Amino acid sequence: MPLFHDVTREELRRGDHIYVRHALHSRHGIWDGSKVIHLPPRSAKVSRDSLDEFLHDAALKLFLYGAPWRTTWYEIAGTSEATESDEADIVVRRAESKIGEYNYNVFSANSKSFARWCKLGDRAMDVI
């Protein structure tokens, strides 16, 4: 299993948890089939933007769910987890329910915790 999960636009599936890496941080979002629902870096509100706006010239990555536990321990900065995701329609519905709201907190309510909540619901350890 690779340390970074590169993915192409054509490989994206509705409900995917995607992310981009920058020098000091990463940004996470949910692919709704045509756009990305995410918490932009300079906003305290969840929004829906084009993939190009989300990528901002960074490489597209896929956060993996249902990965074998024995392979998740070496993943850098938590790019996968053993827990299985909910179905795509549920994931996207959760993400859409937060558009226009959300209070950003770099430590506990950030883009990664938002995306994990969309994928896992109350099973996410950092429930928003």
N, C-alpha and C. Protein backbone atom coordinates (compact mmCIF):
# COMPACT_ATOMS: atom_id res chain seq x y z
N MET A 1 0.85 -1.18 0.00
CA MET A 1 0.00 0.00 0.00
C MET A 1 0.89 1.25 0.00
N PRO A 2 0.63 2.19 -0.89
CA PRO A 2 1.48 3.38 -0.97
C PRO A 2 1.29 4.32 0.21
N LEU A 3 2.32 5.10 0.47
CA LEU A 3 2.22 6.08 1.55
C LEU A 3 1.32 7.24 1.18
N PHE A 4 1.27 7.57 -0.10
CA PHE A 4 0.39 8.63 -0.57
C PHE A 4 -0.50 8.04 -1.64
N HIS A 5 -1.73 8.40 -1.64
CA HIS A 5 -2.74 7.75 -2.45
C HIS A 5 -3.14 8.64 -3.63
N ASP A 6 -2.25 8.75 -4.61
CA ASP A 6 -2.54 9.56 -5.78
C ASP A 6 -3.75 8.99 -6.52
N VAL A 7 -4.57 9.87 -7.02
CA VAL A 7 -5.76 9.48 -7.76
C VAL A 7 -5.98 10.50 -8.87
N THR A 8 -6.56 10.06 -9.97
CA THR A 8 -6.88 10.98 -11.07
C THR A 8 -8.34 11.40 -10.96
N ARG A 9 -8.68 12.45 -11.65
CA ARG A 9 -10.07 12.93 -11.67
C ARG A 9 -11.01 11.82 -12.16
N GLU A 10 -10.55 11.08 -13.15
CA GLU A 10 -11.38 10.03 -13.74
C GLU A 10 -11.64 8.88 -12.76
N GLU A 11 -10.79 8.70 -11.79
CA GLU A 11 -10.95 7.62 -10.82
C GLU A 11 -11.86 7.99 -9.64
N LEU A 12 -12.17 9.26 -9.50
CA LEU A 12 -12.99 9.70 -8.37
C LEU A 12 -14.39 9.11 -8.44
N ARG A 13 -14.90 8.76 -7.27
CA ARG A 13 -16.26 8.25 -7.14
C ARG A 13 -17.03 9.13 -6.14
N ARG A 14 -18.30 9.28 -6.40
CA ARG A 14 -19.16 10.06 -5.52
C ARG A 14 -18.98 9.58 -4.07
N GLY A 15 -18.79 10.53 -3.16
CA GLY A 15 -18.61 10.21 -1.74
C GLY A 15 -17.18 9.99 -1.32
N ASP A 16 -16.23 10.08 -2.26
CA ASP A 16 -14.82 9.91 -1.90
C ASP A 16 -14.34 11.03 -0.98
N HIS A 17 -13.50 10.67 -0.03
CA HIS A 17 -12.79 11.62 0.83
C HIS A 17 -11.47 11.89 0.13
N ILE A 18 -11.31 13.09 -0.36
CA ILE A 18 -10.09 13.46 -1.07
C ILE A 18 -9.32 14.48 -0.26
N TYR A 19 -8.04 14.61 -0.58
CA TYR A 19 -7.23 15.61 0.12
C TYR A 19 -6.08 16.07 -0.75
N VAL A 20 -5.50 17.19 -0.36
CA VAL A 20 -4.30 17.73 -0.99
C VAL A 20 -3.31 18.07 0.12
N ARG A 21 -2.06 17.92 -0.19
CA ARG A 21 -1.00 18.26 0.76
C ARG A 21 -0.33 19.56 0.36
N HIS A 22 -0.09 20.37 1.36
CA HIS A 22 0.68 21.59 1.17
C HIS A 22 1.86 21.51 2.13
N ALA A 23 2.73 22.46 2.10
CA ALA A 23 3.97 22.39 2.89
C ALA A 23 3.72 22.11 4.37
N LEU A 24 2.81 22.83 4.98
CA LEU A 24 2.61 22.70 6.42
C LEU A 24 1.26 22.12 6.83
N HIS A 25 0.42 21.81 5.86
CA HIS A 25 -0.91 21.29 6.20
C HIS A 25 -1.50 20.52 5.03
N SER A 26 -2.63 19.92 5.27
CA SER A 26 -3.38 19.28 4.20
C SER A 26 -4.82 19.76 4.29
N ARG A 27 -5.54 19.66 3.16
CA ARG A 27 -6.96 20.04 3.12
C ARG A 27 -7.75 18.84 2.65
N HIS A 28 -8.90 18.63 3.24
CA HIS A 28 -9.72 17.46 2.96
C HIS A 28 -11.11 17.90 2.53
N GLY A 29 -11.74 17.07 1.71
CA GLY A 29 -13.10 17.35 1.27
C GLY A 29 -13.79 16.09 0.79
N ILE A 30 -15.05 16.22 0.44
CA ILE A 30 -15.87 15.12 -0.06
C ILE A 30 -16.26 15.42 -1.51
N TRP A 31 -15.99 14.46 -2.38
CA TRP A 31 -16.34 14.58 -3.80
C TRP A 31 -17.83 14.22 -3.96
N ASP A 32 -18.63 15.13 -4.50
CA ASP A 32 -20.07 14.87 -4.63
C ASP A 32 -20.46 14.33 -6.01
N GLY A 33 -19.47 14.10 -6.84
CA GLY A 33 -19.70 13.61 -8.19
C GLY A 33 -19.40 14.65 -9.25
N SER A 34 -19.40 15.93 -8.85
CA SER A 34 -19.06 17.00 -9.78
C SER A 34 -18.26 18.13 -9.13
N LYS A 35 -18.38 18.27 -7.82
CA LYS A 35 -17.65 19.31 -7.07
C LYS A 35 -17.19 18.76 -5.73
N VAL A 36 -16.43 19.58 -5.01
CA VAL A 36 -15.89 19.19 -3.70
C VAL A 36 -16.59 19.98 -2.61
N ILE A 37 -17.10 19.28 -1.62
CA ILE A 37 -17.69 19.93 -0.45
C ILE A 37 -16.61 19.90 0.62
N HIS A 38 -16.22 21.07 1.09
CA HIS A 38 -15.08 21.15 2.00
C HIS A 38 -15.12 22.42 2.83
N LEU A 39 -14.19 22.48 3.75
CA LEU A 39 -14.02 23.66 4.60
C LEU A 39 -12.81 24.41 4.06
N PRO A 40 -13.01 25.48 3.28
CA PRO A 40 -11.89 26.21 2.70
C PRO A 40 -10.95 26.76 3.77
N PRO A 41 -9.67 26.91 3.45
CA PRO A 41 -8.69 27.33 4.44
C PRO A 41 -8.91 28.71 5.03
N ARG A 42 -9.54 29.59 4.31
CA ARG A 42 -9.73 30.95 4.82
C ARG A 42 -11.20 31.24 5.14
N SER A 43 -11.92 30.18 5.47
CA SER A 43 -13.35 30.34 5.73
C SER A 43 -13.74 29.50 6.94
N ALA A 44 -14.77 29.92 7.61
CA ALA A 44 -15.29 29.16 8.74
C ALA A 44 -16.57 28.44 8.33
N LYS A 45 -16.85 28.39 7.02
CA LYS A 45 -18.08 27.77 6.54
C LYS A 45 -17.79 26.74 5.46
N VAL A 46 -18.50 25.65 5.52
CA VAL A 46 -18.38 24.61 4.51
C VAL A 46 -18.95 25.14 3.20
N SER A 47 -18.26 24.84 2.09
CA SER A 47 -18.74 25.29 0.78
C SER A 47 -18.53 24.20 -0.26
N ARG A 48 -19.09 24.42 -1.43
CA ARG A 48 -18.96 23.50 -2.56
C ARG A 48 -18.23 24.24 -3.66
N ASP A 49 -17.06 23.72 -4.04
CA ASP A 49 -16.23 24.38 -5.04
C ASP A 49 -15.82 23.39 -6.12
N SER A 50 -15.34 23.92 -7.23
CA SER A 50 -14.84 23.06 -8.30
C SER A 50 -13.59 22.31 -7.82
N LEU A 51 -13.28 21.24 -8.47
CA LEU A 51 -12.09 20.47 -8.12
C LEU A 51 -10.84 21.32 -8.29
N ASP A 52 -10.78 22.13 -9.34
CA ASP A 52 -9.61 22.98 -9.55
C ASP A 52 -9.43 23.98 -8.42
N GLU A 53 -10.53 24.56 -7.93
CA GLU A 53 -10.43 25.49 -6.80
C GLU A 53 -9.92 24.77 -5.56
N PHE A 54 -10.39 23.56 -5.34
CA PHE A 54 -9.95 22.78 -4.18
C PHE A 54 -8.48 22.40 -4.30
N LEU A 55 -8.07 21.96 -5.48
CA LEU A 55 -6.68 21.50 -5.66
C LEU A 55 -5.68 22.64 -5.55
N HIS A 56 -6.01 23.77 -6.11
CA HIS A 56 -5.11 24.92 -6.09
C HIS A 56 -3.68 24.50 -6.45
N ASP A 57 -3.56 23.77 -7.57
CA ASP A 57 -2.28 23.31 -8.13
C ASP A 57 -1.59 22.22 -7.31
N ALA A 58 -2.26 21.61 -6.36
CA ALA A 58 -1.67 20.52 -5.58
C ALA A 58 -2.12 19.18 -6.18
N ALA A 59 -1.42 18.11 -5.82
CA ALA A 59 -1.75 16.77 -6.32
C ALA A 59 -2.96 16.21 -5.57
N LEU A 60 -3.85 15.59 -6.31
CA LEU A 60 -5.07 15.00 -5.75
C LEU A 60 -4.76 13.66 -5.10
N LYS A 61 -5.24 13.49 -3.87
CA LYS A 61 -5.02 12.26 -3.09
C LYS A 61 -6.36 11.70 -2.62
N LEU A 62 -6.39 10.39 -2.38
CA LEU A 62 -7.60 9.71 -1.90
C LEU A 62 -7.33 9.15 -0.52
N PHE A 63 -8.15 9.54 0.45
CA PHE A 63 -8.09 9.01 1.81
C PHE A 63 -8.80 7.66 1.78
N LEU A 64 -8.14 6.61 2.25
CA LEU A 64 -8.69 5.26 2.16
C LEU A 64 -9.41 4.84 3.43
N TYR A 65 -10.54 4.18 3.26
CA TYR A 65 -11.32 3.60 4.37
C TYR A 65 -11.38 2.09 4.16
N GLY A 66 -11.47 1.37 5.25
CA GLY A 66 -11.52 -0.08 5.15
C GLY A 66 -10.19 -0.71 4.83
N ALA A 67 -9.11 0.03 5.06
CA ALA A 67 -7.76 -0.49 4.80
C ALA A 67 -7.40 -1.48 5.90
N PRO A 68 -6.65 -2.52 5.57
CA PRO A 68 -6.23 -3.46 6.62
C PRO A 68 -5.47 -2.72 7.72
N TRP A 69 -5.84 -2.99 8.96
CA TRP A 69 -5.24 -2.28 10.09
C TRP A 69 -3.72 -2.38 10.07
N ARG A 70 -3.20 -3.55 9.74
CA ARG A 70 -1.75 -3.75 9.80
C ARG A 70 -0.99 -2.86 8.81
N THR A 71 -1.70 -2.31 7.80
CA THR A 71 -1.02 -1.44 6.85
C THR A 71 -1.24 0.04 7.15
N THR A 72 -2.15 0.37 8.07
CA THR A 72 -2.41 1.78 8.35
C THR A 72 -1.39 2.38 9.31
N TRP A 73 -0.67 1.57 10.04
CA TRP A 73 0.25 2.09 11.06
C TRP A 73 1.40 2.90 10.46
N TYR A 74 1.81 2.59 9.24
CA TYR A 74 2.94 3.32 8.66
C TYR A 74 2.51 4.47 7.75
N GLU A 75 1.23 4.67 7.62
CA GLU A 75 0.75 5.77 6.79
C GLU A 75 1.14 7.11 7.40
N ILE A 76 1.60 8.01 6.58
CA ILE A 76 2.04 9.31 7.04
C ILE A 76 0.83 10.21 7.34
N ALA A 77 0.77 10.73 8.53
CA ALA A 77 -0.25 11.71 8.95
C ALA A 77 -1.67 11.23 8.72
N GLY A 78 -1.90 9.94 8.89
CA GLY A 78 -3.26 9.41 8.81
C GLY A 78 -3.93 9.59 7.47
N THR A 79 -3.46 8.88 6.47
CA THR A 79 -4.06 8.98 5.13
C THR A 79 -4.96 7.79 4.83
N SER A 80 -5.17 6.95 5.82
CA SER A 80 -6.11 5.84 5.68
C SER A 80 -6.52 5.36 7.07
N GLU A 81 -7.57 4.57 7.10
CA GLU A 81 -7.97 3.97 8.38
C GLU A 81 -8.72 2.68 8.11
N ALA A 82 -8.79 1.84 9.12
CA ALA A 82 -9.38 0.51 8.99
C ALA A 82 -10.91 0.54 8.98
N THR A 83 -11.52 1.57 9.52
CA THR A 83 -12.97 1.65 9.60
C THR A 83 -13.58 1.76 8.21
N GLU A 84 -14.63 1.00 7.96
CA GLU A 84 -15.35 1.07 6.68
C GLU A 84 -16.21 2.33 6.64
N SER A 85 -16.28 2.95 5.47
CA SER A 85 -17.09 4.14 5.26
C SER A 85 -18.56 3.77 5.07
N ASP A 86 -19.43 4.74 5.34
CA ASP A 86 -20.84 4.58 5.00
C ASP A 86 -21.01 4.70 3.48
N GLU A 87 -22.20 4.39 2.98
CA GLU A 87 -22.48 4.45 1.55
C GLU A 87 -22.36 5.88 1.03
N ALA A 88 -22.05 6.01 -0.25
CA ALA A 88 -21.79 7.32 -0.88
C ALA A 88 -22.95 8.30 -0.71
N ASP A 89 -24.17 7.86 -0.89
CA ASP A 89 -25.31 8.78 -0.76
C ASP A 89 -25.41 9.36 0.65
N ILE A 90 -25.14 8.55 1.65
CA ILE A 90 -25.17 9.01 3.04
C ILE A 90 -24.04 10.01 3.27
N VAL A 91 -22.86 9.71 2.75
CA VAL A 91 -21.69 10.57 2.90
C VAL A 91 -21.97 11.95 2.30
N VAL A 92 -22.45 11.96 1.07
CA VAL A 92 -22.72 13.23 0.39
C VAL A 92 -23.86 13.98 1.09
N ARG A 93 -24.87 13.28 1.53
CA ARG A 93 -25.98 13.93 2.25
C ARG A 93 -25.47 14.61 3.52
N ARG A 94 -24.59 13.94 4.26
CA ARG A 94 -24.01 14.56 5.46
C ARG A 94 -23.23 15.83 5.09
N ALA A 95 -22.41 15.73 4.05
CA ALA A 95 -21.60 16.88 3.64
C ALA A 95 -22.50 18.04 3.23
N GLU A 96 -23.52 17.76 2.44
CA GLU A 96 -24.44 18.82 1.98
C GLU A 96 -25.19 19.46 3.16
N SER A 97 -25.43 18.68 4.19
CA SER A 97 -26.16 19.22 5.34
C SER A 97 -25.38 20.29 6.10
N LYS A 98 -24.07 20.35 5.87
CA LYS A 98 -23.23 21.32 6.58
C LYS A 98 -22.85 22.53 5.74
N ILE A 99 -23.26 22.55 4.46
CA ILE A 99 -22.90 23.70 3.60
C ILE A 99 -23.45 24.98 4.21
N GLY A 100 -22.58 25.97 4.35
CA GLY A 100 -22.96 27.26 4.91
C GLY A 100 -22.83 27.36 6.41
N GLU A 101 -22.47 26.26 7.07
CA GLU A 101 -22.29 26.30 8.52
C GLU A 101 -20.99 25.63 8.90
N TYR A 102 -20.69 25.60 10.16
CA TYR A 102 -19.52 24.94 10.73
C TYR A 102 -18.58 25.96 11.34
N ASN A 103 -18.07 25.64 12.48
CA ASN A 103 -17.13 26.52 13.16
C ASN A 103 -15.76 25.89 13.12
N TYR A 104 -14.85 26.51 12.41
CA TYR A 104 -13.51 25.97 12.22
C TYR A 104 -12.68 26.07 13.50
N ASN A 105 -11.96 25.00 13.78
CA ASN A 105 -11.00 24.97 14.88
C ASN A 105 -9.85 24.09 14.40
N VAL A 106 -8.66 24.65 14.33
CA VAL A 106 -7.53 23.94 13.75
C VAL A 106 -7.24 22.61 14.45
N PHE A 107 -7.56 22.51 15.72
CA PHE A 107 -7.24 21.30 16.48
C PHE A 107 -8.35 20.25 16.49
N SER A 108 -9.61 20.70 16.50
CA SER A 108 -10.67 19.71 16.68
C SER A 108 -11.78 19.74 15.63
N ALA A 109 -11.92 20.81 14.91
CA ALA A 109 -12.98 20.93 13.90
C ALA A 109 -12.39 21.50 12.63
N ASN A 110 -11.61 20.68 11.95
CA ASN A 110 -10.92 21.12 10.75
C ASN A 110 -11.42 20.35 9.54
N SER A 111 -10.80 20.55 8.38
CA SER A 111 -11.30 19.92 7.16
C SER A 111 -11.22 18.40 7.22
N LYS A 112 -10.21 17.86 7.88
CA LYS A 112 -10.09 16.40 7.99
C LYS A 112 -11.19 15.85 8.89
N SER A 113 -11.45 16.48 10.01
CA SER A 113 -12.51 15.98 10.89
C SER A 113 -13.88 16.11 10.22
N PHE A 114 -14.07 17.16 9.43
CA PHE A 114 -15.31 17.30 8.67
C PHE A 114 -15.49 16.13 7.69
N ALA A 115 -14.46 15.85 6.91
CA ALA A 115 -14.54 14.77 5.92
C ALA A 115 -14.72 13.41 6.60
N ARG A 116 -14.03 13.18 7.71
CA ARG A 116 -14.18 11.91 8.44
C ARG A 116 -15.61 11.77 8.99
N TRP A 117 -16.18 12.85 9.50
CA TRP A 117 -17.55 12.80 9.98
C TRP A 117 -18.51 12.47 8.83
N CYS A 118 -18.27 13.06 7.67
CA CYS A 118 -19.12 12.76 6.51
C CYS A 118 -19.05 11.28 6.16
N LYS A 119 -17.87 10.69 6.22
CA LYS A 119 -17.68 9.28 5.86
C LYS A 119 -18.16 8.31 6.94
N LEU A 120 -18.00 8.69 8.22
CA LEU A 120 -18.24 7.74 9.31
C LEU A 120 -19.40 8.10 10.22
N GLY A 121 -19.88 9.32 10.16
CA GLY A 121 -20.93 9.74 11.08
C GLY A 121 -20.43 9.73 12.50
N ASP A 122 -21.25 9.25 13.42
CA ASP A 122 -20.88 9.25 14.83
C ASP A 122 -19.73 8.31 15.17
N ARG A 123 -19.35 7.46 14.22
CA ARG A 123 -18.20 6.57 14.46
C ARG A 123 -16.86 7.30 14.36
N ALA A 124 -16.87 8.51 13.84
CA ALA A 124 -15.63 9.30 13.76
C ALA A 124 -15.24 9.69 15.17
N MET A 125 -13.98 9.50 15.51
CA MET A 125 -13.53 9.81 16.87
C MET A 125 -13.56 11.29 17.16
N ASP A 126 -13.44 12.10 16.12
CA ASP A 126 -13.44 13.56 16.31
C ASP A 126 -14.75 14.13 15.74
N VAL A 127 -15.86 13.62 16.27
CA VAL A 127 -17.19 14.03 15.79
C VAL A 127 -17.35 15.53 15.94
N ILE A 128 -17.91 16.15 14.90
CA ILE A 128 -18.09 17.60 14.90
C ILE A 128 -19.39 17.97 15.56
